[in-house]
Amino acid sequence: MIDYKYQDLFLEDSVDKQLKISFDGGEITNTDIFSETMQITESICSDSQISFGNCEASIFKITVANINIPLDGKWISVSMVLNGKEDDPFIFGTYKVSSFKPSADRSKRELIAYDAIKDILDADVTNWY
């Protein structure tokens, strides 16, 4: 359960929701985001049976426009301000961009990012093992 003082605003109709994706050198806001394209996938284990020691990275996906800065490998922070309550935005998390490829017509880009667990899972441990 997430304890957030404005959590009731998520359930109300007609609440202004401003998504902000911050990175070193800029930010992406609602004006650059294609509506209803944000996806967050979090799971301890997506297999049919849970197995001991299994752990998966969280995935953040979104489609944006008008962003031509190369974001591959950069860390992003994803947050949302509800109803202008900028004193305490809801923090979705911090993710490392894995892919930021343009579409065929180059009008939009799909951003795919993973949380810090991805680096741990992909680490080469042969040198210290």
C-alpha atoms as a PDB file:
ATOM      1  CA  MET A   1       0.000   0.000   0.000  1.00  0.00           C
ATOM      2  CA  ILE A   2       1.334   3.415  -0.933  1.00  0.00           C
ATOM      3  CA  ASP A   3       0.818   6.185   1.591  1.00  0.00           C
ATOM      4  CA  TYR A   4       0.245   9.396  -0.375  1.00  0.00           C
ATOM      5  CA  LYS A   5      -1.634  12.330   1.116  1.00  0.00           C
ATOM      6  CA  TYR A   6      -3.453  13.203  -2.150  1.00  0.00           C
ATOM      7  CA  GLN A   7      -4.270   9.613  -3.168  1.00  0.00           C
ATOM      8  CA  ASP A   8      -8.027  10.321  -3.196  1.00  0.00           C
ATOM      9  CA  LEU A   9      -7.498  12.673  -6.160  1.00  0.00           C
ATOM     10  CA  PHE A  10      -6.601   9.683  -8.378  1.00  0.00           C
ATOM     11  CA  LEU A  11     -10.164   8.397  -8.009  1.00  0.00           C
ATOM     12  CA  GLU A  12     -11.988  11.675  -8.617  1.00  0.00           C
ATOM     13  CA  ASP A  13     -13.274  12.844 -12.002  1.00  0.00           C
ATOM     14  CA  SER A  14     -11.997  16.008 -13.689  1.00  0.00           C
ATOM     15  CA  VAL A  15      -8.740  16.208 -11.750  1.00  0.00           C
ATOM     16  CA  ASP A  16      -5.846  17.869 -13.568  1.00  0.00           C
ATOM     17  CA  LYS A  17      -2.996  15.341 -13.817  1.00  0.00           C
ATOM     18  CA  GLN A  18       0.374  16.652 -14.976  1.00  0.00           C
ATOM     19  CA  LEU A  19       2.952  13.941 -15.697  1.00  0.00           C
ATOM     20  CA  LYS A  20       6.577  15.023 -15.562  1.00  0.00           C
ATOM     21  CA  ILE A  21       9.567  13.001 -16.726  1.00  0.00           C
ATOM     22  CA  SER A  22      12.749  14.707 -15.555  1.00  0.00           C
ATOM     23  CA  PHE A  23      16.254  13.936 -16.772  1.00  0.00           C
ATOM     24  CA  ASP A  24      19.644  15.602 -16.714  1.00  0.00           C
ATOM     25  CA  GLY A  25      19.235  18.391 -19.250  1.00  0.00           C
ATOM     26  CA  GLY A  26      15.454  18.736 -19.420  1.00  0.00           C
ATOM     27  CA  GLU A  27      12.026  17.323 -18.847  1.00  0.00           C
ATOM     28  CA  ILE A  28       9.081  15.870 -20.714  1.00  0.00           C
ATOM     29  CA  THR A  29       5.598  17.129 -19.828  1.00  0.00           C
ATOM     30  CA  ASN A  30       1.983  16.393 -20.819  1.00  0.00           C
ATOM     31  CA  THR A  31       2.306  18.493 -23.989  1.00  0.00           C
ATOM     32  CA  ASP A  32       4.933  16.047 -25.320  1.00  0.00           C
ATOM     33  CA  ILE A  33       3.157  12.825 -24.316  1.00  0.00           C
ATOM     34  CA  PHE A  34       0.706  10.850 -26.453  1.00  0.00           C
ATOM     35  CA  SER A  35      -2.352  10.259 -24.298  1.00  0.00           C
ATOM     36  CA  GLU A  36      -2.906   6.866 -22.733  1.00  0.00           C
ATOM     37  CA  THR A  37       0.470   5.433 -23.759  1.00  0.00           C
ATOM     38  CA  MET A  38       2.086   5.193 -20.313  1.00  0.00           C
ATOM     39  CA  GLN A  39       2.670   1.677 -19.000  1.00  0.00           C
ATOM     40  CA  ILE A  40       4.343   0.571 -15.788  1.00  0.00           C
ATOM     41  CA  THR A  41       4.939  -3.141 -15.289  1.00  0.00           C
ATOM     42  CA  GLU A  42       6.009  -4.331 -11.851  1.00  0.00           C
ATOM     43  CA  SER A  43       6.237  -7.971 -10.871  1.00  0.00           C
ATOM     44  CA  ILE A  44       8.302 -10.112  -8.569  1.00  0.00           C
ATOM     45  CA  CYS A  45       7.828 -13.089 -10.867  1.00  0.00           C
ATOM     46  CA  SER A  46       5.793 -13.268 -14.076  1.00  0.00           C
ATOM     47  CA  ASP A  47       6.180 -17.043 -14.429  1.00  0.00           C
ATOM     48  CA  SER A  48       3.188 -19.270 -13.785  1.00  0.00           C
ATOM     49  CA  GLN A  49       4.854 -20.455 -10.543  1.00  0.00           C
ATOM     50  CA  ILE A  50       6.987 -18.339  -8.252  1.00  0.00           C
ATOM     51  CA  SER A  51      10.530 -19.612  -7.938  1.00  0.00           C
ATOM     52  CA  PHE A  52      13.025 -18.946  -5.168  1.00  0.00           C
ATOM     53  CA  GLY A  53      15.484 -16.178  -5.983  1.00  0.00           C
ATOM     54  CA  ASN A  54      13.522 -14.867  -8.965  1.00  0.00           C
ATOM     55  CA  CYS A  55      13.359 -11.091  -9.307  1.00  0.00           C
ATOM     56  CA  GLU A  56      12.330  -8.868 -12.216  1.00  0.00           C
ATOM     57  CA  ALA A  57      12.992  -5.244 -13.039  1.00  0.00           C
ATOM     58  CA  SER A  58      10.122  -2.771 -13.309  1.00  0.00           C
ATOM     59  CA  ILE A  59       9.455  -1.483 -16.827  1.00  0.00           C
ATOM     60  CA  PHE A  60       8.293   2.028 -17.722  1.00  0.00           C
ATOM     61  CA  LYS A  61       7.051   2.686 -21.289  1.00  0.00           C
ATOM     62  CA  ILE A  62       5.620   5.823 -22.854  1.00  0.00           C
ATOM     63  CA  THR A  63       5.304   7.410 -26.304  1.00  0.00           C
ATOM     64  CA  VAL A  64       6.433  11.019 -26.712  1.00  0.00           C
ATOM     65  CA  ALA A  65       6.786  13.634 -29.447  1.00  0.00           C
ATOM     66  CA  ASN A  66       9.067  16.629 -30.037  1.00  0.00           C
ATOM     67  CA  ILE A  67      11.958  15.156 -28.040  1.00  0.00           C
ATOM     68  CA  ASN A  68      15.107  14.712 -30.117  1.00  0.00           C
ATOM     69  CA  ILE A  69      17.635  14.530 -27.288  1.00  0.00           C
ATOM     70  CA  PRO A  70      19.348  11.122 -27.100  1.00  0.00           C
ATOM     71  CA  LEU A  71      18.124   9.606 -23.837  1.00  0.00           C
ATOM     72  CA  ASP A  72      19.571   6.095 -24.137  1.00  0.00           C
ATOM     73  CA  GLY A  73      21.391   5.235 -20.903  1.00  0.00           C
ATOM     74  CA  LYS A  74      20.123   8.305 -19.002  1.00  0.00           C
ATOM     75  CA  TRP A  75      18.272   8.142 -15.700  1.00  0.00           C
ATOM     76  CA  ILE A  76      14.769   9.617 -15.609  1.00  0.00           C
ATOM     77  CA  SER A  77      12.475  10.460 -12.693  1.00  0.00           C
ATOM     78  CA  VAL A  78       8.751  10.053 -13.274  1.00  0.00           C
ATOM     79  CA  SER A  79       6.258  11.998 -11.161  1.00  0.00           C
ATOM     80  CA  MET A  80       2.719  13.379 -11.349  1.00  0.00           C
ATOM     81  CA  VAL A  81       1.208  16.543  -9.911  1.00  0.00           C
ATOM     82  CA  LEU A  82      -2.498  16.214  -9.092  1.00  0.00           C
ATOM     83  CA  ASN A  83      -4.788  19.252  -9.137  1.00  0.00           C
ATOM     84  CA  GLY A  84      -1.867  21.682  -8.921  1.00  0.00           C
ATOM     85  CA  LYS A  85      -0.549  20.239  -5.627  1.00  0.00           C
ATOM     86  CA  GLU A  86       3.095  20.818  -6.556  1.00  0.00           C
ATOM     87  CA  ASP A  87       4.211  20.718  -2.926  1.00  0.00           C
ATOM     88  CA  ASP A  88       3.995  16.908  -2.936  1.00  0.00           C
ATOM     89  CA  PRO A  89       4.002  15.205  -6.356  1.00  0.00           C
ATOM     90  CA  PHE A  90       3.337  11.475  -6.622  1.00  0.00           C
ATOM     91  CA  ILE A  91       6.646   9.752  -7.455  1.00  0.00           C
ATOM     92  CA  PHE A  92       6.346   6.725  -9.748  1.00  0.00           C
ATOM     93  CA  GLY A  93      10.070   5.993  -9.621  1.00  0.00           C
ATOM     94  CA  THR A  94      13.485   6.420 -11.168  1.00  0.00           C
ATOM     95  CA  TYR A  95      14.322   4.467 -14.296  1.00  0.00           C
ATOM     96  CA  LYS A  96      17.254   4.055 -16.709  1.00  0.00           C
ATOM     97  CA  VAL A  97      16.349   4.479 -20.380  1.00  0.00           C
ATOM     98  CA  SER A  98      17.055   1.313 -22.330  1.00  0.00           C
ATOM     99  CA  SER A  99      15.538   2.332 -25.657  1.00  0.00           C
ATOM    100  CA  PHE A 100      14.426   5.648 -27.170  1.00  0.00           C
ATOM    101  CA  LYS A 101      13.823   4.865 -30.818  1.00  0.00           C
ATOM    102  CA  PRO A 102      11.878   7.011 -33.318  1.00  0.00           C
ATOM    103  CA  SER A 103       8.833   5.679 -35.144  1.00  0.00           C
ATOM    104  CA  ALA A 104       8.937   5.016 -38.883  1.00  0.00           C
ATOM    105  CA  ASP A 105       7.599   8.495 -39.656  1.00  0.00           C
ATOM    106  CA  ARG A 106       9.874  10.036 -36.971  1.00  0.00           C
ATOM    107  CA  SER A 107       6.945  11.971 -35.469  1.00  0.00           C
ATOM    108  CA  LYS A 108       7.101  10.135 -32.152  1.00  0.00           C
ATOM    109  CA  ARG A 109       9.430   8.031 -30.033  1.00  0.00           C
ATOM    110  CA  GLU A 110       8.780   5.137 -27.693  1.00  0.00           C
ATOM    111  CA  LEU A 111      10.714   5.392 -24.452  1.00  0.00           C
ATOM    112  CA  ILE A 112      11.431   2.133 -22.625  1.00  0.00           C
ATOM    113  CA  ALA A 113      13.167   2.271 -19.255  1.00  0.00           C
ATOM    114  CA  TYR A 114      13.934  -0.116 -16.389  1.00  0.00           C
ATOM    115  CA  ASP A 115      14.559   0.420 -12.692  1.00  0.00           C
ATOM    116  CA  ALA A 116      17.943  -0.175 -11.016  1.00  0.00           C
ATOM    117  CA  ILE A 117      17.334  -3.904 -10.596  1.00  0.00           C
ATOM    118  CA  LYS A 118      17.936  -4.342 -14.348  1.00  0.00           C
ATOM    119  CA  ASP A 119      21.591  -3.310 -13.919  1.00  0.00           C
ATOM    120  CA  ILE A 120      21.974  -5.788 -11.078  1.00  0.00           C
ATOM    121  CA  LEU A 121      20.386  -8.625 -13.056  1.00  0.00           C
ATOM    122  CA  ASP A 122      22.561  -7.860 -16.121  1.00  0.00           C
ATOM    123  CA  ALA A 123      25.820  -7.453 -14.156  1.00  0.00           C
ATOM    124  CA  ASP A 124      28.755  -9.631 -15.140  1.00  0.00           C
ATOM    125  CA  VAL A 125      29.780 -11.274 -11.884  1.00  0.00           C
ATOM    126  CA  THR A 126      32.366 -13.694 -13.284  1.00  0.00           C
ATOM    127  CA  ASN A 127      35.279 -11.447 -12.275  1.00  0.00           C
ATOM    128  CA  TRP A 128      34.457 -11.328  -8.584  1.00  0.00           C
ATOM    129  CA  TYR A 129      32.859 -14.764  -8.299  1.00  0.00           C
END
